[in-house]
PDB file of N, CA and C in Angstrom:
ATOM      1  N   MET A   1     -73.194 -26.250  55.980  1.00  0.00           N
ATOM      2  CA  MET A   1     -74.160 -27.147  56.104  1.00  0.00           C
ATOM      3  C   MET A   1     -75.524 -26.789  55.613  1.00  0.00           C
ATOM      4  N   ARG A   2     -76.201 -27.504  54.792  1.00  0.00           N
ATOM      5  CA  ARG A   2     -77.337 -27.161  54.069  1.00  0.00           C
ATOM      6  C   ARG A   2     -78.650 -27.921  54.658  1.00  0.00           C
ATOM      7  N   ASP A   3     -79.681 -27.289  54.720  1.00  0.00           N
ATOM      8  CA  ASP A   3     -80.897 -27.868  55.152  1.00  0.00           C
ATOM      9  C   ASP A   3     -81.594 -28.503  53.943  1.00  0.00           C
ATOM     10  N   ALA A   4     -82.733 -29.152  54.157  1.00  0.00           N
ATOM     11  CA  ALA A   4     -83.412 -29.871  53.063  1.00  0.00           C
ATOM     12  C   ALA A   4     -84.536 -29.026  52.522  1.00  0.00           C
ATOM     13  N   GLU A   5     -84.617 -27.792  52.694  1.00  0.00           N
ATOM     14  CA  GLU A   5     -85.666 -27.000  52.171  1.00  0.00           C
ATOM     15  C   GLU A   5     -85.569 -26.801  50.696  1.00  0.00           C
ATOM     16  N   THR A   6     -86.648 -26.753  49.995  1.00  0.00           N
ATOM     17  CA  THR A   6     -86.465 -26.689  48.485  1.00  0.00           C
ATOM     18  C   THR A   6     -87.032 -25.189  48.041  1.00  0.00           C
ATOM     19  N   ALA A   7     -87.538 -24.429  49.063  1.00  0.00           N
ATOM     20  CA  ALA A   7     -87.956 -22.947  48.805  1.00  0.00           C
ATOM     21  C   ALA A   7     -87.684 -22.099  50.032  1.00  0.00           C
ATOM     22  N   ARG A   8     -87.455 -20.890  49.620  1.00  0.00           N
ATOM     23  CA  ARG A   8     -87.238 -19.832  50.769  1.00  0.00           C
ATOM     24  C   ARG A   8     -88.168 -18.733  50.349  1.00  0.00           C
ATOM     25  N   ARG A   9     -89.001 -18.408  51.295  1.00  0.00           N
ATOM     26  CA  ARG A   9     -89.919 -17.258  51.063  1.00  0.00           C
ATOM     27  C   ARG A   9     -90.602 -17.390  49.714  1.00  0.00           C
ATOM     28  N   THR A  10     -91.176 -18.606  49.434  1.00  0.00           N
ATOM     29  CA  THR A  10     -91.884 -18.876  48.169  1.00  0.00           C
ATOM     30  C   THR A  10     -91.117 -18.932  46.932  1.00  0.00           C
ATOM     31  N   ARG A  11     -89.741 -18.730  47.023  1.00  0.00           N
ATOM     32  CA  ARG A  11     -88.956 -18.812  45.828  1.00  0.00           C
ATOM     33  C   ARG A  11     -88.055 -20.054  45.933  1.00  0.00           C
ATOM     34  N   PRO A  12     -87.680 -20.582  44.775  1.00  0.00           N
ATOM     35  CA  PRO A  12     -86.954 -21.757  44.792  1.00  0.00           C
ATOM     36  C   PRO A  12     -85.539 -21.576  45.515  1.00  0.00           C
ATOM     37  N   ASP A  13     -85.150 -22.519  46.355  1.00  0.00           N
ATOM     38  CA  ASP A  13     -83.860 -22.318  47.093  1.00  0.00           C
ATOM     39  C   ASP A  13     -82.694 -22.694  46.081  1.00  0.00           C
ATOM     40  N   PRO A  14     -81.723 -21.856  46.010  1.00  0.00           N
ATOM     41  CA  PRO A  14     -80.573 -22.112  44.997  1.00  0.00           C
ATOM     42  C   PRO A  14     -80.007 -23.461  45.084  1.00  0.00           C
ATOM     43  N   GLY A  15     -79.934 -24.007  46.302  1.00  0.00           N
ATOM     44  CA  GLY A  15     -79.469 -25.411  46.441  1.00  0.00           C
ATOM     45  C   GLY A  15     -80.325 -26.416  45.862  1.00  0.00           C
ATOM     46  N   ALA A  16     -81.680 -26.184  45.778  1.00  0.00           N
ATOM     47  CA  ALA A  16     -82.587 -27.107  45.238  1.00  0.00           C
ATOM     48  C   ALA A  16     -82.617 -27.068  43.654  1.00  0.00           C
ATOM     49  N   LEU A  17     -82.033 -25.953  43.114  1.00  0.00           N
ATOM     50  CA  LEU A  17     -82.037 -25.828  41.688  1.00  0.00           C
ATOM     51  C   LEU A  17     -80.831 -26.456  41.077  1.00  0.00           C
ATOM     52  N   THR A  18     -79.814 -26.666  41.804  1.00  0.00           N
ATOM     53  CA  THR A  18     -78.559 -27.151  41.365  1.00  0.00           C
ATOM     54  C   THR A  18     -77.934 -28.154  42.267  1.00  0.00           C
ATOM     55  N   ASP A  19     -76.722 -28.694  41.903  1.00  0.00           N
ATOM     56  CA  ASP A  19     -76.058 -29.583  42.846  1.00  0.00           C
ATOM     57  C   ASP A  19     -75.814 -28.830  44.184  1.00  0.00           C
ATOM     58  N   ALA A  20     -75.975 -29.528  45.323  1.00  0.00           N
ATOM     59  CA  ALA A  20     -75.835 -28.915  46.571  1.00  0.00           C
ATOM     60  C   ALA A  20     -74.351 -28.345  46.724  1.00  0.00           C
ATOM     61  N   SER A  21     -73.367 -28.944  46.216  1.00  0.00           N
ATOM     62  CA  SER A  21     -71.951 -28.356  46.260  1.00  0.00           C
ATOM     63  C   SER A  21     -71.918 -27.092  45.670  1.00  0.00           C
ATOM     64  N   VAL A  22     -72.610 -26.780  44.665  1.00  0.00           N
ATOM     65  CA  VAL A  22     -72.626 -25.439  43.975  1.00  0.00           C
ATOM     66  C   VAL A  22     -73.079 -24.439  44.909  1.00  0.00           C
ATOM     67  N   ALA A  23     -74.216 -24.756  45.627  1.00  0.00           N
ATOM     68  CA  ALA A  23     -74.837 -23.833  46.683  1.00  0.00           C
ATOM     69  C   ALA A  23     -73.821 -23.611  47.773  1.00  0.00           C
ATOM     70  N   LEU A  24     -73.233 -24.615  48.226  1.00  0.00           N
ATOM     71  CA  LEU A  24     -72.278 -24.582  49.360  1.00  0.00           C
ATOM     72  C   LEU A  24     -71.079 -23.722  48.947  1.00  0.00           C
ATOM     73  N   LEU A  25     -70.579 -23.837  47.750  1.00  0.00           N
ATOM     74  CA  LEU A  25     -69.395 -23.157  47.281  1.00  0.00           C
ATOM     75  C   LEU A  25     -69.751 -21.647  47.038  1.00  0.00           C
ATOM     76  N   THR A  26     -70.947 -21.397  46.588  1.00  0.00           N
ATOM     77  CA  THR A  26     -71.526 -20.057  46.436  1.00  0.00           C
ATOM     78  C   THR A  26     -71.539 -19.311  47.833  1.00  0.00           C
ATOM     79  N   GLY A  27     -71.990 -19.981  48.767  1.00  0.00           N
ATOM     80  CA  GLY A  27     -71.975 -19.481  50.150  1.00  0.00           C
ATOM     81  C   GLY A  27     -70.600 -19.157  50.706  1.00  0.00           C
ATOM     82  N   ASP A  28     -69.639 -20.175  50.380  1.00  0.00           N
ATOM     83  CA  ASP A  28     -68.324 -19.978  50.884  1.00  0.00           C
ATOM     84  C   ASP A  28     -67.725 -18.781  50.168  1.00  0.00           C
ATOM     85  N   PHE A  29     -67.984 -18.627  48.795  1.00  0.00           N
ATOM     86  CA  PHE A  29     -67.432 -17.458  48.155  1.00  0.00           C
ATOM     87  C   PHE A  29     -67.981 -16.203  48.614  1.00  0.00           C
ATOM     88  N   LEU A  30     -69.216 -16.075  48.926  1.00  0.00           N
ATOM     89  CA  LEU A  30     -69.773 -14.831  49.550  1.00  0.00           C
ATOM     90  C   LEU A  30     -69.217 -14.515  50.901  1.00  0.00           C
ATOM     91  N   PHE A  31     -69.016 -15.599  51.657  1.00  0.00           N
ATOM     92  CA  PHE A  31     -68.448 -15.389  53.039  1.00  0.00           C
ATOM     93  C   PHE A  31     -66.915 -14.803  52.860  1.00  0.00           C
ATOM     94  N   ALA A  32     -66.207 -15.409  51.903  1.00  0.00           N
ATOM     95  CA  ALA A  32     -64.808 -14.941  51.574  1.00  0.00           C
ATOM     96  C   ALA A  32     -64.802 -13.448  51.155  1.00  0.00           C
ATOM     97  N   ARG A  33     -65.726 -13.070  50.322  1.00  0.00           N
ATOM     98  CA  ARG A  33     -65.863 -11.669  49.808  1.00  0.00           C
ATOM     99  C   ARG A  33     -66.121 -10.829  51.057  1.00  0.00           C
ATOM    100  N   ALA A  34     -67.092 -11.208  51.807  1.00  0.00           N
ATOM    101  CA  ALA A  34     -67.459 -10.328  52.919  1.00  0.00           C
ATOM    102  C   ALA A  34     -66.239 -10.216  53.886  1.00  0.00           C
ATOM    103  N   SER A  35     -65.507 -11.231  54.036  1.00  0.00           N
ATOM    104  CA  SER A  35     -64.353 -11.275  54.899  1.00  0.00           C
ATOM    105  C   SER A  35     -63.273 -10.185  54.395  1.00  0.00           C
ATOM    106  N   GLN A  36     -63.061 -10.175  53.120  1.00  0.00           N
ATOM    107  CA  GLN A  36     -62.198  -9.241  52.528  1.00  0.00           C
ATOM    108  C   GLN A  36     -62.609  -7.817  52.691  1.00  0.00           C
ATOM    109  N   ILE A  37     -63.869  -7.603  52.557  1.00  0.00           N
ATOM    110  CA  ILE A  37     -64.381  -6.118  52.735  1.00  0.00           C
ATOM    111  C   ILE A  37     -64.166  -5.823  54.282  1.00  0.00           C
ATOM    112  N   LEU A  38     -64.605  -6.764  55.172  1.00  0.00           N
ATOM    113  CA  LEU A  38     -64.605  -6.384  56.579  1.00  0.00           C
ATOM    114  C   LEU A  38     -63.113  -6.224  57.058  1.00  0.00           C
ATOM    115  N   ALA A  39     -62.200  -6.823  56.509  1.00  0.00           N
ATOM    116  CA  ALA A  39     -60.823  -6.707  56.954  1.00  0.00           C
ATOM    117  C   ALA A  39     -60.379  -5.233  56.838  1.00  0.00           C
ATOM    118  N   ASP A  40     -60.890  -4.585  55.848  1.00  0.00           N
ATOM    119  CA  ASP A  40     -60.528  -3.175  55.754  1.00  0.00           C
ATOM    120  C   ASP A  40     -61.169  -2.301  56.827  1.00  0.00           C
ATOM    121  N   LEU A  41     -62.195  -2.882  57.460  1.00  0.00           N
ATOM    122  CA  LEU A  41     -62.831  -2.055  58.556  1.00  0.00           C
ATOM    123  C   LEU A  41     -62.118  -2.344  59.884  1.00  0.00           C
ATOM    124  N   GLY A  42     -61.207  -3.255  60.002  1.00  0.00           N
ATOM    125  CA  GLY A  42     -60.402  -3.603  61.095  1.00  0.00           C
ATOM    126  C   GLY A  42     -60.899  -4.833  61.893  1.00  0.00           C
ATOM    127  N   PRO A  43     -60.069  -5.197  62.934  1.00  0.00           N
ATOM    128  CA  PRO A  43     -60.238  -6.489  63.704  1.00  0.00           C
ATOM    129  C   PRO A  43     -61.592  -6.464  64.378  1.00  0.00           C
ATOM    130  N   HIS A  44     -62.178  -5.343  64.831  1.00  0.00           N
ATOM    131  CA  HIS A  44     -63.467  -5.372  65.528  1.00  0.00           C
ATOM    132  C   HIS A  44     -64.500  -5.926  64.579  1.00  0.00           C
ATOM    133  N   ALA A  45     -64.504  -5.425  63.315  1.00  0.00           N
ATOM    134  CA  ALA A  45     -65.497  -5.922  62.338  1.00  0.00           C
ATOM    135  C   ALA A  45     -65.279  -7.301  62.024  1.00  0.00           C
ATOM    136  N   VAL A  46     -64.147  -7.923  61.998  1.00  0.00           N
ATOM    137  CA  VAL A  46     -63.925  -9.188  61.640  1.00  0.00           C
ATOM    138  C   VAL A  46     -64.460 -10.015  62.855  1.00  0.00           C
ATOM    139  N   ARG A  47     -64.236  -9.494  64.065  1.00  0.00           N
ATOM    140  CA  ARG A  47     -64.759 -10.288  65.260  1.00  0.00           C
ATOM    141  C   ARG A  47     -66.308 -10.341  65.255  1.00  0.00           C
ATOM    142  N   VAL A  48     -66.948  -9.212  64.816  1.00  0.00           N
ATOM    143  CA  VAL A  48     -68.350  -9.163  64.724  1.00  0.00           C
ATOM    144  C   VAL A  48     -68.866 -10.210  63.701  1.00  0.00           C
ATOM    145  N   GLN A  49     -68.134 -10.256  62.569  1.00  0.00           N
ATOM    146  CA  GLN A  49     -68.507 -11.234  61.567  1.00  0.00           C
ATOM    147  C   GLN A  49     -68.394 -12.733  61.986  1.00  0.00           C
ATOM    148  N   THR A  50     -67.250 -13.012  62.613  1.00  0.00           N
ATOM    149  CA  THR A  50     -67.011 -14.284  63.013  1.00  0.00           C
ATOM    150  C   THR A  50     -67.984 -14.838  64.123  1.00  0.00           C
ATOM    151  N   ALA A  51     -68.287 -13.936  64.993  1.00  0.00           N
ATOM    152  CA  ALA A  51     -69.337 -14.237  66.039  1.00  0.00           C
ATOM    153  C   ALA A  51     -70.647 -14.562  65.483  1.00  0.00           C
ATOM    154  N   ALA A  52     -71.082 -13.701  64.412  1.00  0.00           N
ATOM    155  CA  ALA A  52     -72.341 -14.040  63.696  1.00  0.00           C
ATOM    156  C   ALA A  52     -72.284 -15.319  62.933  1.00  0.00           C
ATOM    157  N   TYR A  53     -71.173 -15.637  62.330  1.00  0.00           N
ATOM    158  CA  TYR A  53     -71.111 -16.829  61.477  1.00  0.00           C
ATOM    159  C   TYR A  53     -71.148 -18.035  62.478  1.00  0.00           C
ATOM    160  N   GLU A  54     -70.533 -18.000  63.620  1.00  0.00           N
ATOM    161  CA  GLU A  54     -70.538 -19.078  64.641  1.00  0.00           C
ATOM    162  C   GLU A  54     -71.975 -19.307  65.039  1.00  0.00           C
ATOM    163  N   ARG A  55     -72.759 -18.195  65.198  1.00  0.00           N
ATOM    164  CA  ARG A  55     -74.201 -18.314  65.649  1.00  0.00           C
ATOM    165  C   ARG A  55     -74.990 -18.980  64.470  1.00  0.00           C
ATOM    166  N   VAL A  56     -74.695 -18.629  63.251  1.00  0.00           N
ATOM    167  CA  VAL A  56     -75.386 -19.139  62.118  1.00  0.00           C
ATOM    168  C   VAL A  56     -75.259 -20.652  62.027  1.00  0.00           C
ATOM    169  N   VAL A  57     -74.034 -21.111  62.213  1.00  0.00           N
ATOM    170  CA  VAL A  57     -73.724 -22.516  62.137  1.00  0.00           C
ATOM    171  C   VAL A  57     -74.447 -23.167  63.288  1.00  0.00           C
ATOM    172  N   THR A  58     -74.338 -22.618  64.504  1.00  0.00           N
ATOM    173  CA  THR A  58     -75.070 -23.077  65.601  1.00  0.00           C
ATOM    174  C   THR A  58     -76.544 -23.336  65.352  1.00  0.00           C
ATOM    175  N   GLY A  59     -77.174 -22.384  64.726  1.00  0.00           N
ATOM    176  CA  GLY A  59     -78.550 -22.419  64.237  1.00  0.00           C
ATOM    177  C   GLY A  59     -78.748 -23.440  63.271  1.00  0.00           C
ATOM    178  N   GLN A  60     -77.873 -23.732  62.392  1.00  0.00           N
ATOM    179  CA  GLN A  60     -77.931 -24.787  61.359  1.00  0.00           C
ATOM    180  C   GLN A  60     -77.921 -26.218  62.066  1.00  0.00           C
ATOM    181  N   ILE A  61     -77.067 -26.289  63.025  1.00  0.00           N
ATOM    182  CA  ILE A  61     -76.963 -27.483  63.894  1.00  0.00           C
ATOM    183  C   ILE A  61     -78.277 -27.816  64.608  1.00  0.00           C
ATOM    184  N   LEU A  62     -78.903 -26.672  65.068  1.00  0.00           N
ATOM    185  CA  LEU A  62     -80.110 -26.833  65.845  1.00  0.00           C
ATOM    186  C   LEU A  62     -81.299 -27.315  64.835  1.00  0.00           C
ATOM    187  N   GLY A  63     -81.203 -26.780  63.673  1.00  0.00           N
ATOM    188  CA  GLY A  63     -82.137 -27.172  62.646  1.00  0.00           C
ATOM    189  C   GLY A  63     -81.934 -28.667  62.254  1.00  0.00           C
ATOM    190  N   ARG A  64     -80.740 -29.154  62.205  1.00  0.00           N
ATOM    191  CA  ARG A  64     -80.536 -30.510  61.913  1.00  0.00           C
ATOM    192  C   ARG A  64     -81.016 -31.473  63.073  1.00  0.00           C
ATOM    193  N   THR A  65     -80.774 -31.093  64.319  1.00  0.00           N
ATOM    194  CA  THR A  65     -81.004 -31.886  65.463  1.00  0.00           C
ATOM    195  C   THR A  65     -82.420 -31.910  65.917  1.00  0.00           C
ATOM    196  N   GLY A  66     -83.150 -30.843  65.600  1.00  0.00           N
ATOM    197  CA  GLY A  66     -84.607 -30.749  66.099  1.00  0.00           C
ATOM    198  C   GLY A  66     -84.654 -30.496  67.607  1.00  0.00           C
ATOM    199  N   PRO A  67     -85.828 -30.270  68.165  1.00  0.00           N
ATOM    200  CA  PRO A  67     -86.036 -29.984  69.615  1.00  0.00           C
ATOM    201  C   PRO A  67     -85.620 -31.256  70.383  1.00  0.00           C
ATOM    202  N   ALA A  68     -85.285 -31.060  71.502  1.00  0.00           N
ATOM    203  CA  ALA A  68     -85.019 -32.096  72.498  1.00  0.00           C
ATOM    204  C   ALA A  68     -86.241 -32.984  72.796  1.00  0.00           C
ATOM    205  N   GLU A  69     -86.102 -34.200  73.100  1.00  0.00           N
ATOM    206  CA  GLU A  69     -87.284 -34.989  73.439  1.00  0.00           C
ATOM    207  C   GLU A  69     -88.121 -34.300  74.443  1.00  0.00           C
ATOM    208  N   ARG A  70     -89.372 -34.173  74.283  1.00  0.00           N
ATOM    209  CA  ARG A  70     -90.415 -33.501  75.093  1.00  0.00           C
ATOM    210  C   ARG A  70     -90.039 -31.964  75.136  1.00  0.00           C
ATOM    211  N   GLY A  71     -89.167 -31.487  74.287  1.00  0.00           N
ATOM    212  CA  GLY A  71     -88.825 -30.060  74.282  1.00  0.00           C
ATOM    213  C   GLY A  71     -89.913 -29.357  73.485  1.00  0.00           C
ATOM    214  N   ASP A  72     -89.984 -28.031  73.777  1.00  0.00           N
ATOM    215  CA  ASP A  72     -90.928 -27.194  73.085  1.00  0.00           C
ATOM    216  C   ASP A  72     -90.460 -26.919  71.641  1.00  0.00           C
ATOM    217  N   PRO A  73     -91.175 -27.413  70.637  1.00  0.00           N
ATOM    218  CA  PRO A  73     -90.820 -27.171  69.264  1.00  0.00           C
ATOM    219  C   PRO A  73     -90.761 -25.714  68.820  1.00  0.00           C
ATOM    220  N   VAL A  74     -91.640 -24.874  69.411  1.00  0.00           N
ATOM    221  CA  VAL A  74     -91.681 -23.482  69.065  1.00  0.00           C
ATOM    222  C   VAL A  74     -90.583 -22.725  69.687  1.00  0.00           C
ATOM    223  N   ALA A  75     -90.252 -23.070  70.903  1.00  0.00           N
ATOM    224  CA  ALA A  75     -89.015 -22.429  71.542  1.00  0.00           C
ATOM    225  C   ALA A  75     -87.793 -22.872  70.668  1.00  0.00           C
ATOM    226  N   HIS A  76     -87.743 -24.035  70.357  1.00  0.00           N
ATOM    227  CA  HIS A  76     -86.544 -24.560  69.486  1.00  0.00           C
ATOM    228  C   HIS A  76     -86.434 -23.739  68.187  1.00  0.00           C
ATOM    229  N   HIS A  77     -87.572 -23.601  67.553  1.00  0.00           N
ATOM    230  CA  HIS A  77     -87.570 -22.851  66.271  1.00  0.00           C
ATOM    231  C   HIS A  77     -87.117 -21.404  66.555  1.00  0.00           C
ATOM    232  N   ARG A  78     -87.598 -20.761  67.585  1.00  0.00           N
ATOM    233  CA  ARG A  78     -87.248 -19.340  67.903  1.00  0.00           C
ATOM    234  C   ARG A  78     -85.729 -19.308  68.134  1.00  0.00           C
ATOM    235  N   GLU A  79     -85.168 -20.314  68.866  1.00  0.00           N
ATOM    236  CA  GLU A  79     -83.730 -20.330  69.107  1.00  0.00           C
ATOM    237  C   GLU A  79     -83.010 -20.450  67.868  1.00  0.00           C
ATOM    238  N   MET A  80     -83.476 -21.287  66.972  1.00  0.00           N
ATOM    239  CA  MET A  80     -82.679 -21.595  65.675  1.00  0.00           C
ATOM    240  C   MET A  80     -82.877 -20.228  64.791  1.00  0.00           C
ATOM    241  N   ALA A  81     -84.084 -19.587  64.760  1.00  0.00           N
ATOM    242  CA  ALA A  81     -84.097 -18.470  63.946  1.00  0.00           C
ATOM    243  C   ALA A  81     -83.262 -17.251  64.512  1.00  0.00           C
ATOM    244  N   THR A  82     -83.297 -17.202  65.888  1.00  0.00           N
ATOM    245  CA  THR A  82     -82.465 -16.118  66.476  1.00  0.00           C
ATOM    246  C   THR A  82     -80.995 -16.287  66.180  1.00  0.00           C
ATOM    247  N   ALA A  83     -80.509 -17.643  66.182  1.00  0.00           N
ATOM    248  CA  ALA A  83     -79.137 -17.830  65.855  1.00  0.00           C
ATOM    249  C   ALA A  83     -78.836 -17.638  64.423  1.00  0.00           C
ATOM    250  N   GLN A  84     -79.744 -17.991  63.525  1.00  0.00           N
ATOM    251  CA  GLN A  84     -79.396 -17.781  62.098  1.00  0.00           C
ATOM    252  C   GLN A  84     -79.769 -16.293  61.624  1.00  0.00           C
ATOM    253  N   THR A  85     -81.037 -16.104  61.434  1.00  0.00           N
ATOM    254  CA  THR A  85     -81.383 -14.736  60.879  1.00  0.00           C
ATOM    255  C   THR A  85     -81.065 -13.626  61.833  1.00  0.00           C
ATOM    256  N   GLY A  86     -81.366 -13.818  63.160  1.00  0.00           N
ATOM    257  CA  GLY A  86     -81.159 -12.775  64.060  1.00  0.00           C
ATOM    258  C   GLY A  86     -79.711 -12.336  64.183  1.00  0.00           C
ATOM    259  N   SER A  87     -78.733 -13.340  64.181  1.00  0.00           N
ATOM    260  CA  SER A  87     -77.388 -13.033  64.348  1.00  0.00           C
ATOM    261  C   SER A  87     -76.949 -12.198  63.073  1.00  0.00           C
ATOM    262  N   LEU A  88     -77.391 -12.553  61.893  1.00  0.00           N
ATOM    263  CA  LEU A  88     -76.956 -11.831  60.740  1.00  0.00           C
ATOM    264  C   LEU A  88     -77.570 -10.422  60.757  1.00  0.00           C
ATOM    265  N   THR A  89     -78.786 -10.235  61.161  1.00  0.00           N
ATOM    266  CA  THR A  89     -79.437  -8.961  61.301  1.00  0.00           C
ATOM    267  C   THR A  89     -78.688  -8.051  62.233  1.00  0.00           C
ATOM    268  N   GLY A  90     -78.340  -8.693  63.385  1.00  0.00           N
ATOM    269  CA  GLY A  90     -77.581  -7.939  64.396  1.00  0.00           C
ATOM    270  C   GLY A  90     -76.310  -7.512  63.920  1.00  0.00           C
ATOM    271  N   ALA A  91     -75.579  -8.439  63.255  1.00  0.00           N
ATOM    272  CA  ALA A  91     -74.253  -8.136  62.740  1.00  0.00           C
ATOM    273  C   ALA A  91     -74.243  -7.082  61.704  1.00  0.00           C
ATOM    274  N   SER A  92     -75.290  -6.976  60.891  1.00  0.00           N
ATOM    275  CA  SER A  92     -75.495  -5.889  59.914  1.00  0.00           C
ATOM    276  C   SER A  92     -75.634  -4.633  60.534  1.00  0.00           C
ATOM    277  N   GLY A  93     -76.347  -4.502  61.624  1.00  0.00           N
ATOM    278  CA  GLY A  93     -76.580  -3.329  62.431  1.00  0.00           C
ATOM    279  C   GLY A  93     -75.233  -2.867  62.996  1.00  0.00           C
ATOM    280  N   ARG A  94     -74.544  -3.731  63.626  1.00  0.00           N
ATOM    281  CA  ARG A  94     -73.199  -3.396  64.236  1.00  0.00           C
ATOM    282  C   ARG A  94     -72.240  -2.899  63.183  1.00  0.00           C
ATOM    283  N   LEU A  95     -72.222  -3.650  62.051  1.00  0.00           N
ATOM    284  CA  LEU A  95     -71.244  -3.303  61.044  1.00  0.00           C
ATOM    285  C   LEU A  95     -71.606  -2.093  60.257  1.00  0.00           C
ATOM    286  N   GLY A  96     -72.873  -1.776  60.139  1.00  0.00           N
ATOM    287  CA  GLY A  96     -73.286  -0.472  59.481  1.00  0.00           C
ATOM    288  C   GLY A  96     -72.897   0.613  60.492  1.00  0.00           C
ATOM    289  N   ALA A  97     -73.036   0.576  61.752  1.00  0.00           N
ATOM    290  CA  ALA A  97     -72.653   1.615  62.701  1.00  0.00           C
ATOM    291  C   ALA A  97     -71.103   1.773  62.603  1.00  0.00           C
ATOM    292  N   LEU A  98     -70.455   0.671  62.564  1.00  0.00           N
ATOM    293  CA  LEU A  98     -68.959   0.789  62.597  1.00  0.00           C
ATOM    294  C   LEU A  98     -68.553   1.440  61.243  1.00  0.00           C
ATOM    295  N   ALA A  99     -69.079   1.101  60.121  1.00  0.00           N
ATOM    296  CA  ALA A  99     -68.649   1.718  58.894  1.00  0.00           C
ATOM    297  C   ALA A  99     -69.104   3.182  58.819  1.00  0.00           C
ATOM    298  N   ALA A 100     -70.105   3.606  59.525  1.00  0.00           N
ATOM    299  CA  ALA A 100     -70.562   4.973  59.543  1.00  0.00           C
ATOM    300  C   ALA A 100     -69.732   5.795  60.554  1.00  0.00           C
ATOM    301  N   GLY A 101     -68.936   5.196  61.442  1.00  0.00           N
ATOM    302  CA  GLY A 101     -68.178   5.890  62.414  1.00  0.00           C
ATOM    303  C   GLY A 101     -68.989   6.177  63.652  1.00  0.00           C
ATOM    304  N   ALA A 102     -70.191   5.469  63.860  1.00  0.00           N
ATOM    305  CA  ALA A 102     -70.942   5.658  65.079  1.00  0.00           C
ATOM    306  C   ALA A 102     -70.192   4.919  66.279  1.00  0.00           C
ATOM    307  N   ASP A 103     -70.663   5.349  67.508  1.00  0.00           N
ATOM    308  CA  ASP A 103     -69.973   4.724  68.606  1.00  0.00           C
ATOM    309  C   ASP A 103     -70.540   3.366  68.925  1.00  0.00           C
ATOM    310  N   ASP A 104     -70.018   2.632  69.919  1.00  0.00           N
ATOM    311  CA  ASP A 104     -70.397   1.345  70.212  1.00  0.00           C
ATOM    312  C   ASP A 104     -71.868   1.259  70.699  1.00  0.00           C
ATOM    313  N   LEU A 105     -72.404   2.249  71.402  1.00  0.00           N
ATOM    314  CA  LEU A 105     -73.786   2.290  71.832  1.00  0.00           C
ATOM    315  C   LEU A 105     -74.689   2.177  70.698  1.00  0.00           C
ATOM    316  N   VAL A 106     -74.373   2.930  69.603  1.00  0.00           N
ATOM    317  CA  VAL A 106     -75.333   2.872  68.389  1.00  0.00           C
ATOM    318  C   VAL A 106     -75.276   1.565  67.763  1.00  0.00           C
ATOM    319  N   GLY A 107     -74.039   0.963  67.673  1.00  0.00           N
ATOM    320  CA  GLY A 107     -73.856  -0.417  67.138  1.00  0.00           C
ATOM    321  C   GLY A 107     -74.697  -1.404  67.960  1.00  0.00           C
ATOM    322  N   GLU A 108     -74.583  -1.315  69.259  1.00  0.00           N
ATOM    323  CA  GLU A 108     -75.381  -2.276  70.169  1.00  0.00           C
ATOM    324  C   GLU A 108     -76.852  -2.077  69.911  1.00  0.00           C
ATOM    325  N   ALA A 109     -77.243  -0.761  69.972  1.00  0.00           N
ATOM    326  CA  ALA A 109     -78.785  -0.549  69.740  1.00  0.00           C
ATOM    327  C   ALA A 109     -79.242  -1.219  68.413  1.00  0.00           C
ATOM    328  N   LEU A 110     -78.479  -0.930  67.382  1.00  0.00           N
ATOM    329  CA  LEU A 110     -78.849  -1.528  66.027  1.00  0.00           C
ATOM    330  C   LEU A 110     -78.763  -3.071  65.975  1.00  0.00           C
ATOM    331  N   ALA A 111     -77.831  -3.671  66.746  1.00  0.00           N
ATOM    332  CA  ALA A 111     -77.752  -5.087  66.843  1.00  0.00           C
ATOM    333  C   ALA A 111     -79.003  -5.753  67.513  1.00  0.00           C
ATOM    334  N   ARG A 112     -79.458  -5.065  68.523  1.00  0.00           N
ATOM    335  CA  ARG A 112     -80.792  -5.489  69.300  1.00  0.00           C
ATOM    336  C   ARG A 112     -81.921  -5.368  68.333  1.00  0.00           C
TER     337      ARG A 112
END
């Protein structure tokens, strides 16, 4: 699901430069490649990735729906950002710890 932004951090959004289907397919390709790599790390890594992906999609849905009527738009934005960027950052920490052979406490600390 793609939002309507034309720029990301002052740079043109790839989806704004080309047909939206190309941007979606590129994201799908990257997700597939990441899945292949994670499969070699085992089922725990795949579970971390799928949980993060679920949160990203939840954040995208929140971005599409906007805050509830009379809801706090700042709180809504924070929830959306936590679901999207926060979940990916947390998953990166967990997966980095897993790939390095660190224990679950290290992975949890890096995820936070």
